[in-house]
Amino acid sequence: ERATFISHGNTARLAKQYGDIKLAQICGAVAADEKRHEAAYTRIVEKLFEIDSDTTIRCLADMMKKKIVMPAHMMYDGGDENIFGHFSAVAQRIGVYTAKDYTDIMEFLVDRWGVEKLTGLSDEGRKAQEYVCSLVPRYRKFEERTQARAKQATTVPFSWIFGREV
C-alpha cells in the first residue's frame, strides 16, 4: 500500500507539473486512499508482532524471499512481451516509483515494527530476523546500480499512448 501511495502521489505531482490538473486530482485521491490502507495494514502487522513475533518474522522473511511484485507485473497490451519491464524502467527513470522508494519502504517497516530489536525468537525466528535485517543494506547497493541503468535506458513506445515513445 505504501508503494502505491508513493507511485500515485508522484504521478499526481508529475501530472500537475505538466498541466493535467484532473489527472493530478484523480491520482491524488487514489494516493490518499492508499495511505489509509497503508496505515491500517501497518498497524495490523504491528499487532501481529506483539502477539506472535516469532511466527510473524518467519512469515515476513518468507514473503520477502518469494519477492513482492506489483499487480501491474501481469499487464499485457497484446504486443509487447516485456511491457512491465519497460513500464518499470520508465517509472524508475522519471521518478514515479524507484528502487530507492522500495528500499525506503523496507527500511521504514523494519524500523516501525522493531524487527532488529525482537527478542525471544526461536532459531528459525532469529535466522528470519537476520535475513530481513540484511535486506536494506543489500537493496541500497542494488538501488545505486538501478539508478545508473535507468539514466542510460532507451525510450520505448507504449501502445496505450498511441505508440508514443517515453
N, C-alpha and C. Protein backbone atom coordinates (compact mmCIF):
# COMPACT_ATOMS: atom_id res chain seq x y z
N GLU A 1 0.82 -1.19 0.00
CA GLU A 1 0.00 0.00 0.00
C GLU A 1 0.86 1.26 0.00
N ARG A 2 1.96 1.20 0.71
CA ARG A 2 2.86 2.37 0.74
C ARG A 2 3.45 2.60 -0.65
N ALA A 3 3.74 1.53 -1.36
CA ALA A 3 4.29 1.67 -2.72
C ALA A 3 3.29 2.34 -3.65
N THR A 4 2.03 1.93 -3.58
CA THR A 4 1.04 2.54 -4.46
C THR A 4 0.74 3.97 -4.04
N PHE A 5 0.82 4.24 -2.74
CA PHE A 5 0.69 5.63 -2.27
C PHE A 5 1.79 6.49 -2.90
N ILE A 6 3.01 6.00 -2.84
CA ILE A 6 4.15 6.76 -3.38
C ILE A 6 4.00 6.94 -4.88
N SER A 7 3.72 5.86 -5.60
CA SER A 7 3.67 5.96 -7.06
C SER A 7 2.51 6.85 -7.53
N HIS A 8 1.36 6.75 -6.89
CA HIS A 8 0.24 7.61 -7.29
C HIS A 8 0.49 9.06 -6.89
N GLY A 9 1.12 9.26 -5.73
CA GLY A 9 1.46 10.62 -5.32
C GLY A 9 2.46 11.26 -6.28
N ASN A 10 3.47 10.51 -6.67
CA ASN A 10 4.45 11.03 -7.63
C ASN A 10 3.83 11.27 -9.00
N THR A 11 2.93 10.39 -9.41
CA THR A 11 2.23 10.59 -10.68
C THR A 11 1.37 11.85 -10.62
N ALA A 12 0.72 12.07 -9.48
CA ALA A 12 -0.10 13.28 -9.31
C ALA A 12 0.77 14.53 -9.44
N ARG A 13 1.94 14.51 -8.82
CA ARG A 13 2.84 15.67 -8.90
C ARG A 13 3.31 15.91 -10.34
N LEU A 14 3.63 14.83 -11.04
CA LEU A 14 4.06 14.98 -12.44
C LEU A 14 2.91 15.50 -13.31
N ALA A 15 1.71 14.96 -13.10
CA ALA A 15 0.56 15.41 -13.88
C ALA A 15 0.31 16.90 -13.65
N LYS A 16 0.39 17.32 -12.41
CA LYS A 16 0.20 18.75 -12.10
C LYS A 16 1.29 19.58 -12.75
N GLN A 17 2.52 19.12 -12.66
CA GLN A 17 3.67 19.83 -13.25
C GLN A 17 3.48 20.02 -14.75
N TYR A 18 2.88 19.03 -15.41
CA TYR A 18 2.69 19.11 -16.86
C TYR A 18 1.31 19.64 -17.25
N GLY A 19 0.55 20.16 -16.26
CA GLY A 19 -0.68 20.85 -16.55
C GLY A 19 -1.95 20.03 -16.60
N ASP A 20 -1.90 18.75 -16.24
CA ASP A 20 -3.10 17.93 -16.25
C ASP A 20 -3.68 17.87 -14.84
N ILE A 21 -4.44 18.89 -14.50
CA ILE A 21 -4.96 19.05 -13.14
C ILE A 21 -5.94 17.93 -12.79
N LYS A 22 -6.79 17.53 -13.72
CA LYS A 22 -7.76 16.47 -13.42
C LYS A 22 -7.06 15.14 -13.11
N LEU A 23 -6.06 14.79 -13.92
CA LEU A 23 -5.30 13.57 -13.65
C LEU A 23 -4.59 13.68 -12.30
N ALA A 24 -4.07 14.84 -12.01
CA ALA A 24 -3.40 15.06 -10.72
C ALA A 24 -4.38 14.85 -9.56
N GLN A 25 -5.60 15.34 -9.71
CA GLN A 25 -6.61 15.17 -8.66
C GLN A 25 -7.00 13.70 -8.49
N ILE A 26 -7.17 13.00 -9.60
CA ILE A 26 -7.52 11.58 -9.54
C ILE A 26 -6.41 10.79 -8.86
N CYS A 27 -5.18 11.00 -9.31
CA CYS A 27 -4.05 10.28 -8.71
C CYS A 27 -3.86 10.66 -7.25
N GLY A 28 -4.11 11.90 -6.92
CA GLY A 28 -4.02 12.34 -5.53
C GLY A 28 -5.06 11.66 -4.66
N ALA A 29 -6.27 11.49 -5.18
CA ALA A 29 -7.32 10.80 -4.43
C ALA A 29 -6.96 9.34 -4.21
N VAL A 30 -6.43 8.70 -5.25
CA VAL A 30 -6.00 7.30 -5.11
C VAL A 30 -4.87 7.21 -4.08
N ALA A 31 -3.92 8.12 -4.14
CA ALA A 31 -2.80 8.12 -3.20
C ALA A 31 -3.30 8.25 -1.76
N ALA A 32 -4.26 9.14 -1.55
CA ALA A 32 -4.81 9.33 -0.20
C ALA A 32 -5.48 8.06 0.30
N ASP A 33 -6.21 7.38 -0.58
CA ASP A 33 -6.85 6.12 -0.21
C ASP A 33 -5.80 5.06 0.13
N GLU A 34 -4.76 4.98 -0.66
CA GLU A 34 -3.69 4.02 -0.41
C GLU A 34 -2.99 4.31 0.92
N LYS A 35 -2.86 5.57 1.27
CA LYS A 35 -2.24 5.95 2.54
C LYS A 35 -3.06 5.41 3.71
N ARG A 36 -4.38 5.47 3.59
CA ARG A 36 -5.25 4.92 4.64
C ARG A 36 -5.08 3.41 4.74
N HIS A 37 -5.00 2.73 3.59
CA HIS A 37 -4.77 1.28 3.59
C HIS A 37 -3.44 0.97 4.26
N GLU A 38 -2.42 1.74 3.90
CA GLU A 38 -1.09 1.52 4.49
C GLU A 38 -1.15 1.62 6.01
N ALA A 39 -1.81 2.64 6.50
CA ALA A 39 -1.89 2.84 7.96
C ALA A 39 -2.55 1.64 8.63
N ALA A 40 -3.63 1.16 8.04
CA ALA A 40 -4.34 0.02 8.63
C ALA A 40 -3.49 -1.24 8.60
N TYR A 41 -2.92 -1.57 7.47
CA TYR A 41 -2.12 -2.80 7.35
C TYR A 41 -0.86 -2.74 8.20
N THR A 42 -0.26 -1.57 8.31
CA THR A 42 0.94 -1.43 9.13
C THR A 42 0.60 -1.70 10.60
N ARG A 43 -0.54 -1.18 11.05
CA ARG A 43 -0.96 -1.42 12.43
C ARG A 43 -1.31 -2.89 12.66
N ILE A 44 -1.92 -3.53 11.67
CA ILE A 44 -2.27 -4.95 11.80
C ILE A 44 -1.00 -5.78 12.00
N VAL A 45 -0.01 -5.56 11.15
CA VAL A 45 1.23 -6.34 11.27
C VAL A 45 1.95 -5.99 12.57
N GLU A 46 1.89 -4.74 12.96
CA GLU A 46 2.48 -4.33 14.24
C GLU A 46 1.87 -5.15 15.39
N LYS A 47 0.56 -5.32 15.34
CA LYS A 47 -0.13 -6.11 16.36
C LYS A 47 0.27 -7.58 16.28
N LEU A 48 0.44 -8.09 15.06
CA LEU A 48 0.89 -9.48 14.91
C LEU A 48 2.27 -9.68 15.55
N PHE A 49 3.15 -8.71 15.38
CA PHE A 49 4.47 -8.80 16.03
C PHE A 49 4.33 -8.81 17.55
N GLU A 50 3.37 -8.06 18.09
CA GLU A 50 3.15 -8.06 19.54
C GLU A 50 2.64 -9.41 20.02
N ILE A 51 1.73 -10.00 19.25
CA ILE A 51 1.07 -11.25 19.66
C ILE A 51 1.98 -12.46 19.47
N ASP A 52 2.64 -12.54 18.31
CA ASP A 52 3.47 -13.71 17.99
C ASP A 52 4.61 -13.29 17.08
N SER A 53 5.62 -12.70 17.67
CA SER A 53 6.73 -12.16 16.88
C SER A 53 7.49 -13.24 16.12
N ASP A 54 7.59 -14.43 16.69
CA ASP A 54 8.35 -15.49 16.02
C ASP A 54 7.71 -15.90 14.70
N THR A 55 6.43 -16.19 14.74
CA THR A 55 5.74 -16.58 13.50
C THR A 55 5.69 -15.42 12.52
N THR A 56 5.46 -14.22 13.02
CA THR A 56 5.35 -13.06 12.15
C THR A 56 6.66 -12.79 11.42
N ILE A 57 7.80 -12.85 12.12
CA ILE A 57 9.07 -12.58 11.45
C ILE A 57 9.38 -13.69 10.44
N ARG A 58 9.03 -14.93 10.77
CA ARG A 58 9.26 -16.02 9.81
C ARG A 58 8.40 -15.83 8.57
N CYS A 59 7.17 -15.39 8.75
CA CYS A 59 6.29 -15.13 7.60
C CYS A 59 6.80 -13.95 6.77
N LEU A 60 7.26 -12.90 7.43
CA LEU A 60 7.80 -11.75 6.70
C LEU A 60 9.02 -12.16 5.88
N ALA A 61 9.91 -12.93 6.48
CA ALA A 61 11.11 -13.39 5.75
C ALA A 61 10.71 -14.26 4.56
N ASP A 62 9.75 -15.14 4.77
CA ASP A 62 9.29 -16.00 3.68
C ASP A 62 8.71 -15.17 2.54
N MET A 63 7.91 -14.18 2.89
CA MET A 63 7.31 -13.31 1.87
C MET A 63 8.39 -12.54 1.11
N MET A 64 9.39 -12.06 1.81
CA MET A 64 10.46 -11.30 1.15
C MET A 64 11.31 -12.21 0.25
N LYS A 65 11.49 -13.45 0.64
CA LYS A 65 12.24 -14.40 -0.19
C LYS A 65 11.48 -14.71 -1.47
N LYS A 66 10.17 -14.73 -1.38
CA LYS A 66 9.34 -15.02 -2.56
C LYS A 66 9.20 -13.81 -3.47
N LYS A 67 9.59 -12.65 -3.01
CA LYS A 67 9.58 -11.38 -3.75
C LYS A 67 8.18 -10.78 -3.79
N ILE A 68 8.15 -9.50 -3.54
CA ILE A 68 6.90 -8.75 -3.62
C ILE A 68 6.86 -8.10 -4.99
N VAL A 69 5.79 -8.32 -5.70
CA VAL A 69 5.65 -7.71 -7.02
C VAL A 69 4.35 -6.93 -7.08
N MET A 70 4.37 -5.90 -7.86
CA MET A 70 3.17 -5.09 -8.05
C MET A 70 2.19 -5.87 -8.94
N PRO A 71 0.90 -5.71 -8.72
CA PRO A 71 -0.08 -6.38 -9.59
C PRO A 71 0.12 -6.05 -11.06
N ALA A 72 0.69 -4.89 -11.34
CA ALA A 72 0.90 -4.48 -12.73
C ALA A 72 1.88 -5.38 -13.46
N HIS A 73 2.60 -6.25 -12.75
CA HIS A 73 3.56 -7.12 -13.43
C HIS A 73 2.86 -8.05 -14.41
N MET A 74 1.54 -8.16 -14.28
CA MET A 74 0.78 -9.01 -15.20
C MET A 74 0.21 -8.23 -16.38
N MET A 75 0.51 -6.95 -16.49
CA MET A 75 -0.06 -6.16 -17.59
C MET A 75 0.39 -6.71 -18.93
N TYR A 76 -0.49 -6.59 -19.88
CA TYR A 76 -0.20 -7.05 -21.24
C TYR A 76 -0.99 -6.18 -22.20
N ASP A 77 -0.34 -5.72 -23.24
CA ASP A 77 -1.02 -4.86 -24.20
C ASP A 77 -1.29 -5.55 -25.52
N GLY A 78 -1.04 -6.84 -25.57
CA GLY A 78 -1.29 -7.60 -26.80
C GLY A 78 -0.11 -7.62 -27.75
N GLY A 79 0.97 -6.93 -27.40
CA GLY A 79 2.11 -6.90 -28.31
C GLY A 79 3.46 -6.98 -27.63
N ASP A 80 3.68 -6.11 -26.67
CA ASP A 80 4.98 -6.03 -26.00
C ASP A 80 5.07 -7.10 -24.91
N GLU A 81 5.90 -8.09 -25.14
CA GLU A 81 6.04 -9.18 -24.17
C GLU A 81 6.74 -8.74 -22.88
N ASN A 82 7.42 -7.60 -22.92
CA ASN A 82 8.13 -7.10 -21.75
C ASN A 82 7.59 -5.74 -21.32
N ILE A 83 6.29 -5.56 -21.45
CA ILE A 83 5.73 -4.24 -21.18
C ILE A 83 5.92 -3.81 -19.73
N PHE A 84 5.81 -4.74 -18.79
CA PHE A 84 6.02 -4.35 -17.39
C PHE A 84 7.46 -3.92 -17.15
N GLY A 85 8.40 -4.62 -17.74
CA GLY A 85 9.81 -4.22 -17.63
C GLY A 85 10.05 -2.84 -18.20
N HIS A 86 9.44 -2.58 -19.36
CA HIS A 86 9.58 -1.25 -19.97
C HIS A 86 8.90 -0.18 -19.11
N PHE A 87 7.71 -0.50 -18.63
CA PHE A 87 6.97 0.42 -17.76
C PHE A 87 7.77 0.73 -16.49
N SER A 88 8.34 -0.31 -15.88
CA SER A 88 9.13 -0.13 -14.66
C SER A 88 10.36 0.73 -14.90
N ALA A 89 11.00 0.52 -16.05
CA ALA A 89 12.19 1.31 -16.38
C ALA A 89 11.84 2.79 -16.52
N VAL A 90 10.71 3.07 -17.16
CA VAL A 90 10.28 4.46 -17.29
C VAL A 90 9.91 5.04 -15.92
N ALA A 91 9.19 4.26 -15.11
CA ALA A 91 8.82 4.72 -13.77
C ALA A 91 10.06 5.05 -12.94
N GLN A 92 11.08 4.21 -13.06
CA GLN A 92 12.34 4.45 -12.34
C GLN A 92 13.00 5.72 -12.87
N ARG A 93 13.07 5.85 -14.18
CA ARG A 93 13.77 6.97 -14.81
C ARG A 93 13.14 8.32 -14.49
N ILE A 94 11.80 8.37 -14.48
CA ILE A 94 11.13 9.67 -14.27
C ILE A 94 10.74 9.90 -12.81
N GLY A 95 11.01 8.91 -11.95
CA GLY A 95 10.79 9.10 -10.52
C GLY A 95 9.40 8.80 -10.02
N VAL A 96 8.61 8.04 -10.78
CA VAL A 96 7.28 7.65 -10.30
C VAL A 96 7.41 6.64 -9.17
N TYR A 97 8.21 5.62 -9.36
CA TYR A 97 8.49 4.63 -8.32
C TYR A 97 9.86 4.06 -8.60
N THR A 98 10.73 4.14 -7.62
CA THR A 98 12.13 3.79 -7.83
C THR A 98 12.60 2.70 -6.87
N ALA A 99 13.76 2.18 -7.17
CA ALA A 99 14.39 1.21 -6.26
C ALA A 99 14.63 1.86 -4.90
N LYS A 100 14.91 3.14 -4.88
CA LYS A 100 15.09 3.85 -3.61
C LYS A 100 13.78 3.86 -2.82
N ASP A 101 12.67 4.07 -3.50
CA ASP A 101 11.38 4.03 -2.82
C ASP A 101 11.16 2.67 -2.17
N TYR A 102 11.44 1.60 -2.91
CA TYR A 102 11.27 0.24 -2.40
C TYR A 102 12.13 0.03 -1.16
N THR A 103 13.39 0.45 -1.24
CA THR A 103 14.30 0.29 -0.12
C THR A 103 13.85 1.13 1.07
N ASP A 104 13.42 2.35 0.81
CA ASP A 104 12.93 3.22 1.89
C ASP A 104 11.73 2.60 2.60
N ILE A 105 10.86 1.96 1.83
CA ILE A 105 9.69 1.30 2.41
C ILE A 105 10.13 0.17 3.33
N MET A 106 11.04 -0.64 2.85
CA MET A 106 11.53 -1.76 3.66
C MET A 106 12.19 -1.24 4.94
N GLU A 107 12.99 -0.21 4.80
CA GLU A 107 13.66 0.37 5.97
C GLU A 107 12.63 0.91 6.97
N PHE A 108 11.61 1.60 6.46
CA PHE A 108 10.55 2.14 7.31
C PHE A 108 9.85 1.02 8.09
N LEU A 109 9.50 -0.06 7.40
CA LEU A 109 8.76 -1.14 8.05
C LEU A 109 9.62 -1.89 9.06
N VAL A 110 10.86 -2.17 8.72
CA VAL A 110 11.76 -2.84 9.66
C VAL A 110 11.89 -2.00 10.93
N ASP A 111 12.01 -0.71 10.77
CA ASP A 111 12.12 0.19 11.92
C ASP A 111 10.80 0.28 12.68
N ARG A 112 9.73 0.50 11.97
CA ARG A 112 8.40 0.66 12.59
C ARG A 112 8.01 -0.56 13.42
N TRP A 113 8.31 -1.74 12.87
CA TRP A 113 7.93 -2.98 13.55
C TRP A 113 9.00 -3.45 14.54
N GLY A 114 10.08 -2.72 14.66
CA GLY A 114 11.13 -3.08 15.61
C GLY A 114 11.77 -4.42 15.33
N VAL A 115 11.91 -4.76 14.07
CA VAL A 115 12.42 -6.08 13.68
C VAL A 115 13.80 -6.35 14.27
N GLU A 116 14.67 -5.36 14.27
CA GLU A 116 16.03 -5.56 14.78
C GLU A 116 16.05 -5.82 16.29
N LYS A 117 15.03 -5.37 16.99
CA LYS A 117 15.01 -5.46 18.45
C LYS A 117 14.20 -6.65 18.98
N LEU A 118 13.67 -7.48 18.09
CA LEU A 118 12.87 -8.61 18.54
C LEU A 118 13.71 -9.55 19.40
N THR A 119 13.11 -10.04 20.46
CA THR A 119 13.80 -10.99 21.35
C THR A 119 12.90 -12.19 21.57
N GLY A 120 13.47 -13.24 22.15
CA GLY A 120 12.69 -14.43 22.48
C GLY A 120 12.30 -15.25 21.26
N LEU A 121 13.08 -15.12 20.20
CA LEU A 121 12.76 -15.84 18.96
C LEU A 121 13.36 -17.24 18.97
N SER A 122 12.74 -18.14 18.24
CA SER A 122 13.29 -19.47 18.03
C SER A 122 14.51 -19.36 17.12
N ASP A 123 15.22 -20.46 16.92
CA ASP A 123 16.36 -20.45 15.99
C ASP A 123 15.91 -20.01 14.60
N GLU A 124 14.78 -20.55 14.15
CA GLU A 124 14.25 -20.17 12.83
C GLU A 124 13.87 -18.69 12.81
N GLY A 125 13.30 -18.23 13.90
CA GLY A 125 12.91 -16.83 14.00
C GLY A 125 14.11 -15.90 13.95
N ARG A 126 15.20 -16.28 14.64
CA ARG A 126 16.42 -15.47 14.60
C ARG A 126 17.03 -15.44 13.20
N LYS A 127 17.00 -16.58 12.52
CA LYS A 127 17.51 -16.62 11.14
C LYS A 127 16.67 -15.72 10.24
N ALA A 128 15.36 -15.77 10.43
CA ALA A 128 14.46 -14.91 9.65
C ALA A 128 14.72 -13.45 9.95
N GLN A 129 14.93 -13.13 11.22
CA GLN A 129 15.24 -11.76 11.63
C GLN A 129 16.53 -11.29 10.97
N GLU A 130 17.56 -12.11 11.01
CA GLU A 130 18.84 -11.75 10.37
C GLU A 130 18.66 -11.50 8.88
N TYR A 131 17.87 -12.37 8.25
CA TYR A 131 17.63 -12.22 6.81
C TYR A 131 16.93 -10.89 6.52
N VAL A 132 15.84 -10.63 7.22
CA VAL A 132 15.07 -9.40 6.98
C VAL A 132 15.94 -8.17 7.26
N CYS A 133 16.72 -8.21 8.32
CA CYS A 133 17.57 -7.06 8.66
C CYS A 133 18.72 -6.87 7.67
N SER A 134 19.05 -7.90 6.92
CA SER A 134 20.13 -7.79 5.92
C SER A 134 19.65 -7.19 4.60
N LEU A 135 18.35 -7.09 4.43
CA LEU A 135 17.81 -6.68 3.13
C LEU A 135 18.08 -5.22 2.79
N VAL A 136 17.87 -4.31 3.72
CA VAL A 136 18.02 -2.88 3.41
C VAL A 136 19.43 -2.56 2.90
N PRO A 137 20.49 -3.00 3.58
CA PRO A 137 21.83 -2.71 3.03
C PRO A 137 22.04 -3.31 1.63
N ARG A 138 21.53 -4.51 1.41
CA ARG A 138 21.65 -5.13 0.08
C ARG A 138 20.87 -4.34 -0.95
N TYR A 139 19.67 -3.90 -0.59
CA TYR A 139 18.85 -3.13 -1.52
C TYR A 139 19.48 -1.78 -1.83
N ARG A 140 20.17 -1.17 -0.86
CA ARG A 140 20.82 0.13 -1.11
C ARG A 140 21.87 -0.01 -2.21
N LYS A 141 22.63 -1.09 -2.19
CA LYS A 141 23.63 -1.33 -3.23
C LYS A 141 22.96 -1.52 -4.59
N PHE A 142 21.89 -2.29 -4.61
CA PHE A 142 21.13 -2.53 -5.84
C PHE A 142 20.54 -1.22 -6.36
N GLU A 143 20.06 -0.40 -5.44
CA GLU A 143 19.44 0.88 -5.78
C GLU A 143 20.39 1.76 -6.59
N GLU A 144 21.63 1.82 -6.20
CA GLU A 144 22.62 2.63 -6.91
C GLU A 144 22.82 2.14 -8.34
N ARG A 145 22.92 0.84 -8.51
CA ARG A 145 23.10 0.27 -9.86
C ARG A 145 21.86 0.50 -10.71
N THR A 146 20.69 0.36 -10.11
CA THR A 146 19.44 0.53 -10.84
C THR A 146 19.29 1.96 -11.34
N GLN A 147 19.62 2.92 -10.50
CA GLN A 147 19.51 4.32 -10.90
C GLN A 147 20.45 4.64 -12.04
N ALA A 148 21.64 4.09 -12.00
CA ALA A 148 22.61 4.32 -13.09
C ALA A 148 22.10 3.73 -14.40
N ARG A 149 21.53 2.53 -14.32
CA ARG A 149 20.97 1.90 -15.53
C ARG A 149 19.77 2.67 -16.07
N ALA A 150 18.95 3.20 -15.17
CA ALA A 150 17.75 3.93 -15.60
C ALA A 150 18.11 5.16 -16.41
N LYS A 151 19.19 5.82 -16.02
CA LYS A 151 19.61 7.02 -16.75
C LYS A 151 20.08 6.70 -18.16
N GLN A 152 20.55 5.47 -18.37
CA GLN A 152 21.05 5.06 -19.68
C GLN A 152 19.97 4.39 -20.54
N ALA A 153 18.81 4.15 -19.98
CA ALA A 153 17.76 3.41 -20.68
C ALA A 153 17.29 4.17 -21.93
N THR A 154 16.96 3.39 -22.93
CA THR A 154 16.42 3.98 -24.16
C THR A 154 14.92 4.15 -24.02
N THR A 155 14.35 4.98 -24.86
CA THR A 155 12.90 5.16 -24.84
C THR A 155 12.23 3.98 -25.52
N VAL A 156 10.99 3.72 -25.13
CA VAL A 156 10.22 2.64 -25.73
C VAL A 156 8.81 3.14 -26.03
N PRO A 157 8.18 2.59 -27.08
CA PRO A 157 6.81 3.00 -27.39
C PRO A 157 5.81 2.25 -26.51
N PHE A 158 4.73 2.93 -26.14
CA PHE A 158 3.66 2.31 -25.37
C PHE A 158 2.37 2.39 -26.18
N SER A 159 1.71 1.25 -26.33
CA SER A 159 0.50 1.20 -27.16
C SER A 159 -0.62 2.07 -26.60
N TRP A 160 -0.72 2.17 -25.27
CA TRP A 160 -1.84 2.91 -24.69
C TRP A 160 -1.70 4.42 -24.84
N ILE A 161 -0.56 4.88 -25.32
CA ILE A 161 -0.43 6.30 -25.67
C ILE A 161 -0.08 6.41 -27.16
N PHE A 162 -0.73 5.51 -27.90
CA PHE A 162 -0.67 5.53 -29.37
C PHE A 162 0.75 5.39 -29.91
N GLY A 163 1.53 4.53 -29.26
CA GLY A 163 2.87 4.24 -29.74
C GLY A 163 3.90 5.30 -29.44
N ARG A 164 3.52 6.31 -28.68
CA ARG A 164 4.48 7.37 -28.34
C ARG A 164 5.61 6.79 -27.50
N GLU A 165 6.83 7.21 -27.80
CA GLU A 165 7.98 6.73 -27.05
C GLU A 165 8.19 7.57 -25.79
N VAL A 166 8.47 6.87 -24.72
CA VAL A 166 8.71 7.52 -23.43
C VAL A 166 10.03 7.02 -22.88
